[in-house]
Every structure is written in C-alpha cells, then in structure tokens.
C-alpha atoms as a PDB file:
ATOM      1  CA  MET A   1      24.021 -95.656  14.809  1.00  0.00           C
ATOM      2  CA  THR A   2      24.394 -92.597  16.677  1.00  0.00           C
ATOM      3  CA  ALA A   3      25.541 -90.051  14.709  1.00  0.00           C
ATOM      4  CA  PRO A   4      23.501 -87.284  13.812  1.00  0.00           C
ATOM      5  CA  THR A   5      22.208 -86.505  10.112  1.00  0.00           C
ATOM      6  CA  THR A   6      24.381 -85.014   7.457  1.00  0.00           C
ATOM      7  CA  THR A   7      23.473 -84.439   4.021  1.00  0.00           C
ATOM      8  CA  ALA A   8      25.074 -86.244   0.390  1.00  0.00           C
ATOM      9  CA  ALA A   9      26.914 -82.772   0.145  1.00  0.00           C
ATOM     10  CA  ASP A  10      28.701 -82.622   3.311  1.00  0.00           C
ATOM     11  CA  THR A  11      30.469 -86.322   2.520  1.00  0.00           C
ATOM     12  CA  ARG A  12      30.789 -87.672  -1.043  1.00  0.00           C
ATOM     13  CA  ALA A  13      32.186 -91.048   0.375  1.00  0.00           C
ATOM     14  CA  PHE A  14      31.398 -93.349   3.714  1.00  0.00           C
ATOM     15  CA  GLU A  15      33.278 -96.305   5.023  1.00  0.00           C
ATOM     16  CA  LEU A  16      32.506 -99.112   7.048  1.00  0.00           C
ATOM     17  CA  HIS A  17      35.370-101.377   9.043  1.00  0.00           C
ATOM     18  CA  ALA A  18      34.901-104.505  10.730  1.00  0.00           C
ATOM     19  CA  GLY A  19      37.995-106.892  11.393  1.00  0.00           C
ATOM     20  CA  ALA A  20      39.849-107.253   7.938  1.00  0.00           C
ATOM     21  CA  LEU A  21      36.451-106.085   6.049  1.00  0.00           C
ATOM     22  CA  ARG A  22      36.060-102.648   4.704  1.00  0.00           C
ATOM     23  CA  LEU A  23      33.116-101.182   2.845  1.00  0.00           C
ATOM     24  CA  ALA A  24      32.968 -97.957   0.628  1.00  0.00           C
ATOM     25  CA  VAL A  25      29.751 -96.367  -0.127  1.00  0.00           C
ATOM     26  CA  ARG A  26      29.005 -93.118  -2.027  1.00  0.00           C
ATOM     27  CA  PRO A  27      25.547 -91.754  -1.035  1.00  0.00           C
ATOM     28  CA  ASP A  28      25.904 -89.136  -3.979  1.00  0.00           C
ATOM     29  CA  LEU A  29      26.378 -91.897  -6.738  1.00  0.00           C
ATOM     30  CA  GLY A  30      22.934 -93.482  -6.365  1.00  0.00           C
ATOM     31  CA  GLY A  31      22.889 -94.584  -3.315  1.00  0.00           C
ATOM     32  CA  SER A  32      25.928 -97.086  -4.380  1.00  0.00           C
ATOM     33  CA  ILE A  33      28.782 -99.384  -2.991  1.00  0.00           C
ATOM     34  CA  ALA A  34      31.825 -98.177  -4.316  1.00  0.00           C
ATOM     35  CA  GLY A  35      33.529-101.626  -3.083  1.00  0.00           C
ATOM     36  CA  PHE A  36      33.758-104.080  -0.431  1.00  0.00           C
ATOM     37  CA  TRP A  37      37.419-105.580   0.489  1.00  0.00           C
ATOM     38  CA  HIS A  38      39.091-108.092   2.811  1.00  0.00           C
ATOM     39  CA  ARG A  39      42.216-106.131   3.464  1.00  0.00           C
ATOM     40  CA  ASP A  40      43.372-105.190  -0.073  1.00  0.00           C
ATOM     41  CA  THR A  41      41.553-108.183  -2.167  1.00  0.00           C
ATOM     42  CA  PRO A  42      38.131-107.189  -3.507  1.00  0.00           C
ATOM     43  CA  ILE A  43      35.133-109.401  -2.372  1.00  0.00           C
ATOM     44  CA  MET A  44      33.271-107.617  -4.989  1.00  0.00           C
ATOM     45  CA  ARG A  45      33.919-105.730  -8.473  1.00  0.00           C
ATOM     46  CA  SER A  46      35.571-102.786  -6.141  1.00  0.00           C
ATOM     47  CA  THR A  47      36.538 -99.332  -6.718  1.00  0.00           C
ATOM     48  CA  GLU A  48      38.077 -96.196  -4.402  1.00  0.00           C
ATOM     49  CA  PRO A  49      35.449 -94.343  -3.904  1.00  0.00           C
ATOM     50  CA  ALA A  50      37.468 -91.263  -4.638  1.00  0.00           C
ATOM     51  CA  LEU A  51      37.571 -92.377  -8.207  1.00  0.00           C
ATOM     52  CA  LEU A  52      34.175 -94.133  -9.017  1.00  0.00           C
ATOM     53  CA  GLN A  53      32.466 -92.542 -11.501  1.00  0.00           C
ATOM     54  CA  SER A  54      28.992 -93.338 -12.050  1.00  0.00           C
ATOM     55  CA  ALA A  55      26.839 -95.954  -9.761  1.00  0.00           C
ATOM     56  CA  ARG A  56      26.858 -97.984 -12.747  1.00  0.00           C
ATOM     57  CA  LEU A  57      30.507 -99.078 -12.377  1.00  0.00           C
ATOM     58  CA  SER A  58      30.285 -99.051  -8.473  1.00  0.00           C
ATOM     59  CA  ALA A  59      30.370-102.555  -6.844  1.00  0.00           C
ATOM     60  CA  SER A  60      26.638-102.190  -6.287  1.00  0.00           C
ATOM     61  CA  PHE A  61      23.586-100.091  -6.687  1.00  0.00           C
ATOM     62  CA  PRO A  62      20.346-100.157  -5.352  1.00  0.00           C
ATOM     63  CA  LEU A  63      16.836-101.363  -7.817  1.00  0.00           C
ATOM     64  CA  VAL A  64      14.089 -99.249  -6.730  1.00  0.00           C
ATOM     65  CA  PRO A  65      11.400 -98.586  -7.161  1.00  0.00           C
ATOM     66  CA  TYR A  66      10.949-101.845  -9.650  1.00  0.00           C
ATOM     67  CA  SER A  67      13.963-103.961 -11.235  1.00  0.00           C
ATOM     68  CA  ASN A  68      15.214-104.616 -14.523  1.00  0.00           C
ATOM     69  CA  ARG A  69      13.307-103.290 -17.398  1.00  0.00           C
ATOM     70  CA  LEU A  70      10.334-101.302 -17.777  1.00  0.00           C
ATOM     71  CA  ALA A  71       9.242-102.256 -20.999  1.00  0.00           C
ATOM     72  CA  TYR A  72       9.207 -99.079 -23.748  1.00  0.00           C
ATOM     73  CA  CYS A  73       8.909 -96.043 -20.649  1.00  0.00           C
ATOM     74  CA  LYS A  74       4.911 -96.472 -20.487  1.00  0.00           C
ATOM     75  CA  PHE A  75       2.402 -98.461 -18.140  1.00  0.00           C
ATOM     76  CA  ARG A  76      -1.272 -99.181 -17.663  1.00  0.00           C
ATOM     77  CA  TRP A  77      -1.878 -98.649 -13.635  1.00  0.00           C
ATOM     78  CA  LYS A  78      -4.960 -98.610 -11.927  1.00  0.00           C
ATOM     79  CA  GLY A  79      -6.933 -97.435 -15.525  1.00  0.00           C
ATOM     80  CA  ARG A  80      -4.751 -94.375 -16.037  1.00  0.00           C
ATOM     81  CA  GLU A  81      -1.576 -95.087 -18.550  1.00  0.00           C
ATOM     82  CA  TYR A  82       1.703 -93.571 -17.118  1.00  0.00           C
ATOM     83  CA  THR A  83       5.413 -92.840 -18.621  1.00  0.00           C
ATOM     84  CA  THR A  84       8.558 -93.147 -17.306  1.00  0.00           C
ATOM     85  CA  GLN A  85      12.307 -91.889 -19.516  1.00  0.00           C
ATOM     86  CA  ARG A  86      14.799 -93.894 -20.962  1.00  0.00           C
ATOM     87  CA  ASN A  87      18.037 -94.023 -18.922  1.00  0.00           C
ATOM     88  CA  PHE A  88      19.925 -96.715 -19.661  1.00  0.00           C
ATOM     89  CA  GLY A  89      22.318 -96.462 -23.119  1.00  0.00           C
ATOM     90  CA  ASP A  90      20.702 -97.071 -25.765  1.00  0.00           C
ATOM     91  CA  SER A  91      17.871 -99.360 -24.391  1.00  0.00           C
ATOM     92  CA  PRO A  92      14.579 -98.535 -25.229  1.00  0.00           C
ATOM     93  CA  HIS A  93      13.145 -99.178 -21.870  1.00  0.00           C
ATOM     94  CA  SER A  94      13.706 -97.599 -18.484  1.00  0.00           C
ATOM     95  CA  VAL A  95      15.826 -99.397 -16.489  1.00  0.00           C
ATOM     96  CA  HIS A  96      15.993-100.312 -12.864  1.00  0.00           C
ATOM     97  CA  GLY A  97      14.272 -97.510 -11.510  1.00  0.00           C
ATOM     98  CA  MET A  98      15.930 -94.275 -10.976  1.00  0.00           C
ATOM     99  CA  GLY A  99      16.992 -94.860  -7.346  1.00  0.00           C
ATOM    100  CA  TRP A 100      20.429 -95.118  -8.510  1.00  0.00           C
ATOM    101  CA  MET A 101      20.448 -92.054 -10.692  1.00  0.00           C
ATOM    102  CA  ARG A 102      19.707 -89.754  -7.292  1.00  0.00           C
ATOM    103  CA  PRO A 103      22.151 -89.067  -4.812  1.00  0.00           C
ATOM    104  CA  TRP A 104      20.955 -90.167  -1.411  1.00  0.00           C
ATOM    105  CA  GLU A 105      21.569 -88.369   2.258  1.00  0.00           C
ATOM    106  CA  VAL A 106      23.931 -89.794   4.614  1.00  0.00           C
ATOM    107  CA  GLY A 107      21.489 -90.093   7.566  1.00  0.00           C
ATOM    108  CA  ALA A 108      23.044 -92.124  11.140  1.00  0.00           C
ATOM    109  CA  HIS A 109      26.272 -93.909  11.296  1.00  0.00           C
ATOM    110  CA  SER A 110      29.051 -95.331  13.240  1.00  0.00           C
ATOM    111  CA  ALA A 111      32.101 -96.887  12.326  1.00  0.00           C
ATOM    112  CA  ILE A 112      30.260-100.789  11.540  1.00  0.00           C
ATOM    113  CA  ASP A 113      26.865 -99.703   9.622  1.00  0.00           C
ATOM    114  CA  VAL A 114      24.847 -96.403   8.069  1.00  0.00           C
ATOM    115  CA  GLU A 115      22.067 -94.861   7.124  1.00  0.00           C
ATOM    116  CA  LEU A 116      21.249 -93.451   3.625  1.00  0.00           C
ATOM    117  CA  ARG A 117      17.740 -91.978   2.783  1.00  0.00           C
ATOM    118  CA  LEU A 118      16.012 -91.036  -0.323  1.00  0.00           C
ATOM    119  CA  ASP A 119      12.915 -89.109  -0.941  1.00  0.00           C
ATOM    120  CA  HIS A 120      11.704 -89.096  -3.880  1.00  0.00           C
ATOM    121  CA  PRO A 121       8.617 -86.641  -4.709  1.00  0.00           C
ATOM    122  CA  GLY A 122       7.590 -87.763  -8.093  1.00  0.00           C
ATOM    123  CA  ASP A 123       9.029 -86.624 -11.323  1.00  0.00           C
ATOM    124  CA  GLU A 124       9.304 -87.444 -15.039  1.00  0.00           C
ATOM    125  CA  HIS A 125      11.539 -91.295 -14.341  1.00  0.00           C
ATOM    126  CA  TRP A 126       8.783 -92.072 -11.922  1.00  0.00           C
ATOM    127  CA  PRO A 127       5.189 -90.457 -11.246  1.00  0.00           C
ATOM    128  CA  PHE A 128       4.396 -91.415  -7.461  1.00  0.00           C
ATOM    129  CA  ALA A 129       5.952 -90.029  -4.477  1.00  0.00           C
ATOM    130  CA  PHE A 130       7.911 -92.107  -2.060  1.00  0.00           C
ATOM    131  CA  GLU A 131      10.643 -92.516   0.443  1.00  0.00           C
ATOM    132  CA  ALA A 132      13.370 -95.077   0.529  1.00  0.00           C
ATOM    133  CA  VAL A 133      15.796 -96.142   3.158  1.00  0.00           C
ATOM    134  CA  GLN A 134      19.052 -98.188   3.136  1.00  0.00           C
ATOM    135  CA  HIS A 135      20.897 -99.734   6.245  1.00  0.00           C
ATOM    136  CA  PHE A 136      23.914-101.361   5.833  1.00  0.00           C
ATOM    137  CA  SER A 137      26.210-102.734   8.647  1.00  0.00           C
ATOM    138  CA  LEU A 138      29.304-104.704   8.545  1.00  0.00           C
ATOM    139  CA  THR A 139      30.417-107.327  10.928  1.00  0.00           C
ATOM    140  CA  PRO A 140      34.424-109.263  10.293  1.00  0.00           C
ATOM    141  CA  GLN A 141      32.660-111.952   8.471  1.00  0.00           C
ATOM    142  CA  SER A 142      29.698-110.210   6.362  1.00  0.00           C
ATOM    143  CA  LEU A 143      27.873-107.020   5.130  1.00  0.00           C
ATOM    144  CA  VAL A 144      24.554-106.843   5.849  1.00  0.00           C
ATOM    145  CA  ALA A 145      21.875-104.656   3.420  1.00  0.00           C
ATOM    146  CA  GLN A 146      18.605-103.513   4.215  1.00  0.00           C
ATOM    147  CA  MET A 147      16.163-101.422   2.118  1.00  0.00           C
ATOM    148  CA  ILE A 148      12.893 -99.917   2.903  1.00  0.00           C
ATOM    149  CA  ILE A 149      10.438 -98.247   0.135  1.00  0.00           C
ATOM    150  CA  THR A 150       7.585 -96.280   1.142  1.00  0.00           C
ATOM    151  CA  ASN A 151       4.742 -94.541  -0.006  1.00  0.00           C
ATOM    152  CA  THR A 152       4.252 -91.085   0.212  1.00  0.00           C
ATOM    153  CA  ALA A 153       1.884 -90.278  -2.642  1.00  0.00           C
ATOM    154  CA  ASP A 154      -1.827 -90.420  -2.210  1.00  0.00           C
ATOM    155  CA  ILE A 155      -2.387 -92.800  -4.548  1.00  0.00           C
ATOM    156  CA  ALA A 156      -1.541 -96.717  -4.330  1.00  0.00           C
ATOM    157  CA  GLN A 157       1.444 -97.558  -6.255  1.00  0.00           C
ATOM    158  CA  PRO A 158       2.879-100.555  -7.822  1.00  0.00           C
ATOM    159  CA  VAL A 159       6.749-101.362  -6.440  1.00  0.00           C
ATOM    160  CA  GLY A 160       9.700-103.687  -6.565  1.00  0.00           C
ATOM    161  CA  LEU A 161      12.723-103.594  -5.370  1.00  0.00           C
ATOM    162  CA  GLY A 162      16.758-105.494  -5.599  1.00  0.00           C
ATOM    163  CA  TRP A 163      19.837-105.217  -5.487  1.00  0.00           C
ATOM    164  CA  HIS A 164      22.684-104.965  -8.364  1.00  0.00           C
ATOM    165  CA  PRO A 165      25.859-106.457  -7.041  1.00  0.00           C
ATOM    166  CA  TYR A 166      28.613-107.050  -9.175  1.00  0.00           C
ATOM    167  CA  PHE A 167      31.283-109.815  -8.626  1.00  0.00           C
ATOM    168  CA  PRO A 168      35.050-109.912  -9.732  1.00  0.00           C
ATOM    169  CA  LYS A 169      35.424-112.887 -12.179  1.00  0.00           C
ATOM    170  CA  ARG A 170      38.415-114.757 -11.144  1.00  0.00           C
ATOM    171  CA  ALA A 171      40.528-118.025 -12.688  1.00  0.00           C
ATOM    172  CA  ARG A 172      38.237-120.546 -10.384  1.00  0.00           C
ATOM    173  CA  SER A 173      35.151-118.493 -10.022  1.00  0.00           C
ATOM    174  CA  ARG A 174      32.107-120.792  -9.752  1.00  0.00           C
ATOM    175  CA  LEU A 175      28.952-120.672  -8.794  1.00  0.00           C
ATOM    176  CA  HIS A 176      26.484-122.476  -6.960  1.00  0.00           C
ATOM    177  CA  VAL A 177      21.839-121.492  -6.895  1.00  0.00           C
ATOM    178  CA  GLU A 178      19.054-124.041  -6.247  1.00  0.00           C
ATOM    179  CA  LEU A 179      15.987-122.891  -8.380  1.00  0.00           C
ATOM    180  CA  SER A 180      13.410-123.655 -10.300  1.00  0.00           C
ATOM    181  CA  ASP A 181      12.480-122.111 -13.390  1.00  0.00           C
ATOM    182  CA  ARG A 182      14.539-119.371 -15.919  1.00  0.00           C
ATOM    183  CA  TRP A 183      12.815-116.373 -17.727  1.00  0.00           C
ATOM    184  CA  ASP A 184      14.220-116.351 -21.387  1.00  0.00           C
ATOM    185  CA  PRO A 185      14.407-112.896 -23.115  1.00  0.00           C
ATOM    186  CA  ASP A 186      13.188-111.744 -26.696  1.00  0.00           C
ATOM    187  CA  ALA A 187      15.380-109.486 -28.764  1.00  0.00           C
ATOM    188  CA  GLN A 188      14.830-106.814 -26.557  1.00  0.00           C
ATOM    189  CA  GLN A 189      15.773-108.302 -23.635  1.00  0.00           C
ATOM    190  CA  LEU A 190      11.555-108.605 -21.977  1.00  0.00           C
ATOM    191  CA  PRO A 191      10.910-111.911 -20.340  1.00  0.00           C
ATOM    192  CA  VAL A 192       8.863-113.951 -22.416  1.00  0.00           C
ATOM    193  CA  ARG A 193       9.430-117.570 -21.734  1.00  0.00           C
ATOM    194  CA  LYS A 194       9.619-119.422 -18.922  1.00  0.00           C
ATOM    195  CA  VAL A 195      11.532-122.944 -18.864  1.00  0.00           C
ATOM    196  CA  THR A 196      12.549-125.072 -16.022  1.00  0.00           C
ATOM    197  CA  GLN A 197      15.823-124.659 -14.854  1.00  0.00           C
ATOM    198  CA  PRO A 198      16.624-126.717 -11.476  1.00  0.00           C
ATOM    199  CA  GLY A 199      19.738-125.253 -10.601  1.00  0.00           C
ATOM    200  CA  ILE A 200      23.240-123.580 -11.686  1.00  0.00           C
ATOM    201  CA  ASP A 201      26.249-125.132 -10.740  1.00  0.00           C
ATOM    202  CA  GLY A 202      29.540-124.652 -12.829  1.00  0.00           C
ATOM    203  CA  ASP A 203      32.495-122.568 -13.303  1.00  0.00           C
ATOM    204  CA  ILE A 204      31.646-119.293 -14.131  1.00  0.00           C
ATOM    205  CA  ALA A 205      33.938-118.994 -17.710  1.00  0.00           C
ATOM    206  CA  HIS A 206      31.473-121.293 -18.870  1.00  0.00           C
ATOM    207  CA  MET A 207      28.140-119.634 -18.399  1.00  0.00           C
ATOM    208  CA  GLU A 208      26.723-117.460 -20.770  1.00  0.00           C
ATOM    209  CA  PHE A 209      23.418-116.303 -18.216  1.00  0.00           C
ATOM    210  CA  ASP A 210      21.285-112.781 -18.938  1.00  0.00           C
ATOM    211  CA  ASN A 211      18.341-114.759 -17.425  1.00  0.00           C
ATOM    212  CA  GLY A 212      16.129-114.101 -14.330  1.00  0.00           C
ATOM    213  CA  PHE A 213      15.082-116.767 -11.952  1.00  0.00           C
ATOM    214  CA  GLU A 214      12.056-118.280  -9.934  1.00  0.00           C
ATOM    215  CA  GLY A 215      12.320-120.702  -7.195  1.00  0.00           C
ATOM    216  CA  TRP A 216      15.534-119.202  -5.413  1.00  0.00           C
ATOM    217  CA  LYS A 217      16.214-121.440  -2.504  1.00  0.00           C
ATOM    218  CA  GLY A 218      18.587-121.280  -0.083  1.00  0.00           C
ATOM    219  CA  PRO A 219      22.083-119.169  -0.273  1.00  0.00           C
ATOM    220  CA  ALA A 220      23.683-117.983  -3.633  1.00  0.00           C
ATOM    221  CA  ARG A 221      27.776-119.529  -2.848  1.00  0.00           C
ATOM    222  CA  ILE A 222      29.993-117.980  -5.039  1.00  0.00           C
ATOM    223  CA  ARG A 223      33.306-119.545  -4.644  1.00  0.00           C
ATOM    224  CA  ASP A 224      37.196-118.549  -6.477  1.00  0.00           C
ATOM    225  CA  GLU A 225      40.517-118.814  -5.426  1.00  0.00           C
ATOM    226  CA  LYS A 226      40.200-116.081  -3.228  1.00  0.00           C
ATOM    227  CA  PHE A 227      36.797-116.397  -1.321  1.00  0.00           C
ATOM    228  CA  SER A 228      33.859-118.601  -0.364  1.00  0.00           C
ATOM    229  CA  LEU A 229      30.537-116.484  -0.437  1.00  0.00           C
ATOM    230  CA  GLN A 230      26.751-116.892   0.438  1.00  0.00           C
ATOM    231  CA  LEU A 231      24.474-114.356  -0.552  1.00  0.00           C
ATOM    232  CA  THR A 232      21.290-114.665   0.722  1.00  0.00           C
ATOM    233  CA  SER A 233      17.831-112.429   0.801  1.00  0.00           C
ATOM    234  CA  ASN A 234      14.285-112.646   1.764  1.00  0.00           C
ATOM    235  CA  LEU A 235      13.267-111.387  -2.178  1.00  0.00           C
ATOM    236  CA  PRO A 236      12.146-114.981  -4.499  1.00  0.00           C
ATOM    237  CA  TYR A 237      13.628-114.098  -7.587  1.00  0.00           C
ATOM    238  CA  LEU A 238      17.329-113.743  -8.769  1.00  0.00           C
ATOM    239  CA  VAL A 239      18.516-112.779 -11.869  1.00  0.00           C
ATOM    240  CA  VAL A 240      22.159-114.062 -12.875  1.00  0.00           C
ATOM    241  CA  TYR A 241      24.682-112.196 -15.482  1.00  0.00           C
ATOM    242  CA  THR A 242      27.165-113.798 -16.636  1.00  0.00           C
ATOM    243  CA  PRO A 243      29.077-111.564 -19.772  1.00  0.00           C
ATOM    244  CA  ARG A 244      31.762-113.962 -21.761  1.00  0.00           C
ATOM    245  CA  ASP A 245      33.997-110.787 -22.190  1.00  0.00           C
ATOM    246  CA  LYS A 246      33.625-109.044 -19.287  1.00  0.00           C
ATOM    247  CA  ASP A 247      35.502-109.158 -16.151  1.00  0.00           C
ATOM    248  CA  TYR A 248      32.820-109.587 -13.767  1.00  0.00           C
ATOM    249  CA  PHE A 249      29.323-111.122 -13.259  1.00  0.00           C
ATOM    250  CA  CYS A 250      26.100-110.360 -11.229  1.00  0.00           C
ATOM    251  CA  VAL A 251      24.342-111.742  -9.431  1.00  0.00           C
ATOM    252  CA  GLU A 252      21.136-110.291  -8.210  1.00  0.00           C
ATOM    253  CA  PRO A 253      18.068-110.433  -5.127  1.00  0.00           C
ATOM    254  CA  VAL A 254      15.124-109.004  -6.790  1.00  0.00           C
ATOM    255  CA  SER A 255      11.643-108.778  -5.688  1.00  0.00           C
ATOM    256  CA  HIS A 256       9.743-109.310  -9.066  1.00  0.00           C
ATOM    257  CA  VAL A 257      10.028-110.412 -12.842  1.00  0.00           C
ATOM    258  CA  GLY A 258      11.177-107.878 -15.199  1.00  0.00           C
ATOM    259  CA  ASN A 259       8.964-106.177 -16.670  1.00  0.00           C
ATOM    260  CA  ALA A 260       6.253-107.333 -14.778  1.00  0.00           C
ATOM    261  CA  ILE A 261       4.036-104.480 -14.582  1.00  0.00           C
ATOM    262  CA  HIS A 262       3.607-105.418 -18.544  1.00  0.00           C
ATOM    263  CA  MET A 263       2.316-108.873 -17.442  1.00  0.00           C
ATOM    264  CA  ALA A 264      -1.196-110.484 -17.189  1.00  0.00           C
ATOM    265  CA  ASP A 265      -1.146-110.578 -13.238  1.00  0.00           C
ATOM    266  CA  PRO A 266       1.619-108.602 -11.894  1.00  0.00           C
ATOM    267  CA  VAL A 267       1.068-109.531  -8.542  1.00  0.00           C
ATOM    268  CA  ALA A 268       1.700-113.102  -9.480  1.00  0.00           C
ATOM    269  CA  HIS A 269       5.152-111.782 -10.354  1.00  0.00           C
ATOM    270  CA  GLY A 270       5.931-110.316  -7.431  1.00  0.00           C
ATOM    271  CA  LEU A 271       5.076-106.690  -7.981  1.00  0.00           C
ATOM    272  CA  ARG A 272       3.820-105.211  -4.754  1.00  0.00           C
ATOM    273  CA  THR A 273       1.091-102.998  -4.440  1.00  0.00           C
ATOM    274  CA  LEU A 274       1.638-100.166  -1.770  1.00  0.00           C
ATOM    275  CA  GLN A 275      -0.915 -98.469  -0.757  1.00  0.00           C
ATOM    276  CA  PRO A 276      -0.193 -94.810   0.716  1.00  0.00           C
ATOM    277  CA  GLY A 277       1.778 -94.709   3.757  1.00  0.00           C
ATOM    278  CA  GLU A 278       2.477 -98.450   3.525  1.00  0.00           C
ATOM    279  CA  SER A 279       5.959 -99.849   3.577  1.00  0.00           C
ATOM    280  CA  PHE A 280       7.943-103.028   1.919  1.00  0.00           C
ATOM    281  CA  GLU A 281      11.334-103.893   3.263  1.00  0.00           C
ATOM    282  CA  ALA A 282      14.166-106.035   1.359  1.00  0.00           C
ATOM    283  CA  THR A 283      17.476-107.692   2.782  1.00  0.00           C
ATOM    284  CA  MET A 284      19.936-108.841   1.511  1.00  0.00           C
ATOM    285  CA  ALA A 285      23.671-110.408   2.979  1.00  0.00           C
ATOM    286  CA  ILE A 286      26.564-111.871   1.944  1.00  0.00           C
ATOM    287  CA  GLU A 287      28.654-114.387   3.747  1.00  0.00           C
ATOM    288  CA  VAL A 288      32.427-114.316   3.705  1.00  0.00           C
ATOM    289  CA  ALA A 289      35.085-116.751   4.476  1.00  0.00           C
ATOM    290  CA  VAL A 290      38.213-116.384   3.541  1.00  0.00           C
ATOM    291  CA  LEU A 291      40.423-119.317   1.744  1.00  0.00           C
END
C-alpha cells in the first residue's frame, strides 16, 4: 500500500478488485463494508456503496471497543463508575461499541488493499481514548480483515473486538461450525446461562439463533447454491443470528461473551485489559469457492 493518506471527507466509498471478487467499503459509515461480490452475485448482504444509508444496513461493520450489549449503558471498572449512551433503536443497552457510528479515515491503499483509521478521544459513548485501524485485503479467492486497537488513554481500559458480517439467506443456505457451548439470553437479550452445544449443522431456514457461542474450532462453513465459504478468525467466540423473518443471517467472530464487563470475571469471558500504549489485534478471513 503506497498511496498517501486521505480523509473520509475526500472519499465516501472505496473499492478493491481481485479476479472476479469486488469489495466496497464506506469509511464514512462506520468503516463498514458496503458489499462483497463475485462478479454481480453478492457473497455477503450487499448494497452498492453510493446507495448505502447506514452501517446497520451494510454487509459488515466493526465491533469496537466491545461487541454485543453493554447492559443498561453503565459499568464499573477499576473502582470507578462509567456510563455510555443508548445507540441501537429502543434497546435499553449500548450495543456493538461505537466504531460503527463514526467516520473512519482512509489511509494507505492500492487496488487490492486499504487501511481505515479511527481516532477516538473519549466521549459519552465510550469514556476511554483509543485508536483503531482496519486493514482489508482481497485476493481472487478471499477477503482478509485485520483490526488493531491501541489504548491511547493514560489509564487501563476494557476492550473487545469483532465484526458483524451479514450473509444472504438463499434457498439452500447451510451452516456448519464446531462449538462447545451456547449462551442463552434473558428477556433483555443479555447472556445469563451457558449450556452445552456441540456444534451447529443444518439449514439456516430451520434455525432460530440469537446467541453467543464458545469453543469455536475450525472454520465456520457457509454453503448455498452459489458459494462455499469458510470463515476463520483468531477470535475464540462466535455470535450466530438467524432470524426467521429476514432474508439474511449473521455469523460474527468476537473476542468476548456479550456483556462480559458485568460478569464476575470479565477476563475469563474474553474481555481484554489494555494498558496505556498496549494494542490488541483481531483477524477474520472469508475464503470463497464458487459452486
């Protein structure tokens, strides 16, 4: 990547091309992926970048500095009380961090890779300062994403990372993934009970998950009449969302259990403590085979 840094104001959309694959990102809409296609066929839920209206309608958006729900917009950390803000419709919680709500800057880029940057000074949505960088790179067979968060505050902060990819639900969409446990939520969609779940294997149309999972091993395999996909990550947890009434489903690599910050031992449930100047890196790859 050799091009000079530009700002999000200079370009609303940026595209990568490798073979028959095309990736479009919207730095100004939360550093999100607008679409991912093989020629004209969407691999992820995809919208032409000029038509995308929000990160929540994208193909994928970053989860930073935490994933899933932070209960009731408040938490205690290192002996102090902190608050966040509601940011997800009528949910009483703050959801998916705040990186998806902010414009990211376009950094160095080429035809097959791009870097996006977010400098967060700390505010009412997240009280600690940090810098986040996303790298997207494309080959003729795969998309690779990397995200690095660095604590730029002068005190330690809790951190989690992940991505929220959406996939189109097709007639023969199937999911196979090896797991060990499932977290069942309460009425407020907060995980409260861990139960054994040896894996997921079946038609998406017959599933009704909105759960976090532990013990993820090997690739998550997504297959339909168009593609065979393998999703891998260095992150140990997975969120699977398969709404019956939607034309999409989600398979989300994440670094921690939802609402881990309120659990008795947040570190045991994946939440990281970053000291000033420390960084944490996440990766996600989607390999694409055309059927």
